Amino acid sequence: MTSTSVATALTLYRSRTLTLEQAATIGGCSVAQLEASAEAFAPAAATRAADD
């Protein structure tokens, strides 16, 4: 599991191209690991509020 493969998998999952399970397979990790990575890659709450 590299940061690049996880980032790519998350991008494809968020664009609804892949299911979470497929994205985990592509990223080379478990669904739980991908979910944890998704939280780490998520924008901060303050950033999201400022974008509204």
N, C-alpha and C. Protein backbone atom coordinates (compact mmCIF):
# COMPACT_ATOMS: atom_id res chain seq x y z
N MET A 1 0.84 -1.17 0.00
CA MET A 1 0.00 0.00 0.00
C MET A 1 0.89 1.23 0.00
N THR A 2 0.88 1.98 -1.09
CA THR A 2 1.64 3.23 -1.16
C THR A 2 0.66 4.40 -1.06
N SER A 3 1.16 5.54 -0.70
CA SER A 3 0.28 6.70 -0.59
C SER A 3 -0.34 7.06 -1.94
N THR A 4 0.41 6.84 -3.01
CA THR A 4 -0.12 7.13 -4.34
C THR A 4 -1.27 6.19 -4.70
N SER A 5 -1.10 4.90 -4.44
CA SER A 5 -2.16 3.96 -4.78
C SER A 5 -3.40 4.20 -3.93
N VAL A 6 -3.21 4.55 -2.67
CA VAL A 6 -4.35 4.83 -1.79
C VAL A 6 -5.04 6.12 -2.24
N ALA A 7 -4.28 7.14 -2.57
CA ALA A 7 -4.87 8.39 -3.03
C ALA A 7 -5.66 8.19 -4.31
N THR A 8 -5.12 7.40 -5.23
CA THR A 8 -5.83 7.09 -6.47
C THR A 8 -7.11 6.32 -6.18
N ALA A 9 -7.02 5.33 -5.31
CA ALA A 9 -8.20 4.53 -4.96
C ALA A 9 -9.26 5.41 -4.31
N LEU A 10 -8.86 6.32 -3.42
CA LEU A 10 -9.82 7.22 -2.78
C LEU A 10 -10.48 8.14 -3.79
N THR A 11 -9.69 8.64 -4.73
CA THR A 11 -10.24 9.51 -5.77
C THR A 11 -11.30 8.77 -6.59
N LEU A 12 -10.99 7.55 -6.97
CA LEU A 12 -11.94 6.76 -7.76
C LEU A 12 -13.18 6.39 -6.94
N TYR A 13 -13.00 6.14 -5.66
CA TYR A 13 -14.15 5.84 -4.80
C TYR A 13 -15.02 7.07 -4.63
N ARG A 14 -14.41 8.20 -4.38
CA ARG A 14 -15.18 9.43 -4.16
C ARG A 14 -15.91 9.89 -5.42
N SER A 15 -15.37 9.54 -6.58
CA SER A 15 -16.05 9.88 -7.83
C SER A 15 -17.09 8.84 -8.22
N ARG A 16 -17.25 7.85 -7.34
CA ARG A 16 -18.23 6.76 -7.52
C ARG A 16 -17.91 5.86 -8.71
N THR A 17 -16.64 5.83 -9.09
CA THR A 17 -16.19 4.93 -10.14
C THR A 17 -16.02 3.52 -9.60
N LEU A 18 -15.57 3.43 -8.35
CA LEU A 18 -15.35 2.14 -7.69
C LEU A 18 -16.16 2.05 -6.41
N THR A 19 -16.46 0.82 -6.01
CA THR A 19 -17.03 0.61 -4.68
C THR A 19 -15.90 0.70 -3.67
N LEU A 20 -16.26 0.77 -2.41
CA LEU A 20 -15.24 0.82 -1.36
C LEU A 20 -14.37 -0.42 -1.39
N GLU A 21 -14.99 -1.57 -1.61
CA GLU A 21 -14.25 -2.83 -1.66
C GLU A 21 -13.29 -2.86 -2.84
N GLN A 22 -13.74 -2.38 -3.99
CA GLN A 22 -12.87 -2.34 -5.17
C GLN A 22 -11.71 -1.37 -4.95
N ALA A 23 -12.01 -0.23 -4.35
CA ALA A 23 -10.96 0.76 -4.09
C ALA A 23 -9.91 0.20 -3.14
N ALA A 24 -10.35 -0.55 -2.14
CA ALA A 24 -9.40 -1.16 -1.20
C ALA A 24 -8.51 -2.16 -1.94
N THR A 25 -9.09 -2.93 -2.84
CA THR A 25 -8.30 -3.89 -3.62
C THR A 25 -7.26 -3.16 -4.47
N ILE A 26 -7.68 -2.12 -5.16
CA ILE A 26 -6.78 -1.33 -6.00
C ILE A 26 -5.69 -0.69 -5.14
N GLY A 27 -6.06 -0.20 -3.97
CA GLY A 27 -5.11 0.44 -3.08
C GLY A 27 -4.19 -0.53 -2.37
N GLY A 28 -4.51 -1.82 -2.44
CA GLY A 28 -3.68 -2.83 -1.81
C GLY A 28 -3.81 -2.85 -0.30
N CYS A 29 -5.02 -2.58 0.18
CA CYS A 29 -5.23 -2.54 1.62
C CYS A 29 -6.63 -3.08 1.94
N SER A 30 -6.93 -3.15 3.22
CA SER A 30 -8.25 -3.60 3.64
C SER A 30 -9.22 -2.42 3.58
N VAL A 31 -10.51 -2.72 3.64
CA VAL A 31 -11.52 -1.67 3.66
C VAL A 31 -11.31 -0.77 4.88
N ALA A 32 -11.01 -1.37 6.02
CA ALA A 32 -10.79 -0.59 7.25
C ALA A 32 -9.59 0.36 7.10
N GLN A 33 -8.52 -0.13 6.48
CA GLN A 33 -7.35 0.73 6.27
C GLN A 33 -7.68 1.87 5.31
N LEU A 34 -8.46 1.57 4.28
CA LEU A 34 -8.83 2.61 3.32
C LEU A 34 -9.72 3.66 3.99
N GLU A 35 -10.65 3.21 4.82
CA GLU A 35 -11.50 4.16 5.53
C GLU A 35 -10.66 5.06 6.43
N ALA A 36 -9.68 4.48 7.11
CA ALA A 36 -8.80 5.29 7.97
C ALA A 36 -8.00 6.28 7.13
N SER A 37 -7.55 5.85 5.97
CA SER A 37 -6.82 6.75 5.08
C SER A 37 -7.72 7.85 4.55
N ALA A 38 -8.97 7.52 4.29
CA ALA A 38 -9.92 8.52 3.79
C ALA A 38 -10.10 9.63 4.82
N GLU A 39 -10.16 9.27 6.08
CA GLU A 39 -10.28 10.27 7.14
C GLU A 39 -9.03 11.14 7.19
N ALA A 40 -7.88 10.54 7.00
CA ALA A 40 -6.62 11.29 7.03
C ALA A 40 -6.51 12.25 5.85
N PHE A 41 -7.05 11.85 4.69
CA PHE A 41 -6.99 12.68 3.49
C PHE A 41 -8.12 13.68 3.40
N ALA A 42 -9.11 13.59 4.29
CA ALA A 42 -10.28 14.47 4.23
C ALA A 42 -9.87 15.90 4.59
N PRO A 43 -10.52 16.87 3.95
CA PRO A 43 -10.21 18.26 4.31
C PRO A 43 -10.63 18.54 5.74
N ALA A 44 -9.98 19.48 6.36
CA ALA A 44 -10.32 19.86 7.73
C ALA A 44 -11.72 20.49 7.76
N ALA A 45 -12.40 20.36 8.87
CA ALA A 45 -13.76 20.88 9.01
C ALA A 45 -13.80 22.39 8.76
N ALA A 46 -12.79 23.11 9.21
CA ALA A 46 -12.76 24.56 9.01
C ALA A 46 -12.65 24.90 7.53
N THR A 47 -11.92 24.09 6.78
CA THR A 47 -11.77 24.32 5.35
C THR A 47 -13.10 24.12 4.63
N ARG A 48 -13.82 23.07 5.02
CA ARG A 48 -15.10 22.81 4.39
C ARG A 48 -16.09 23.90 4.70
N ALA A 49 -16.12 24.41 5.93
CA ALA A 49 -17.05 25.47 6.32
C ALA A 49 -16.74 26.75 5.56
N ALA A 50 -15.48 27.03 5.35
CA ALA A 50 -15.08 28.24 4.64
C ALA A 50 -15.44 28.18 3.17
N ASP A 51 -15.54 26.97 2.63
CA ASP A 51 -15.87 26.82 1.21
C ASP A 51 -17.35 27.03 0.93
N ASP A 52 -18.18 26.95 1.96
CA ASP A 52 -19.63 27.06 1.75
C ASP A 52 -20.06 28.43 1.36
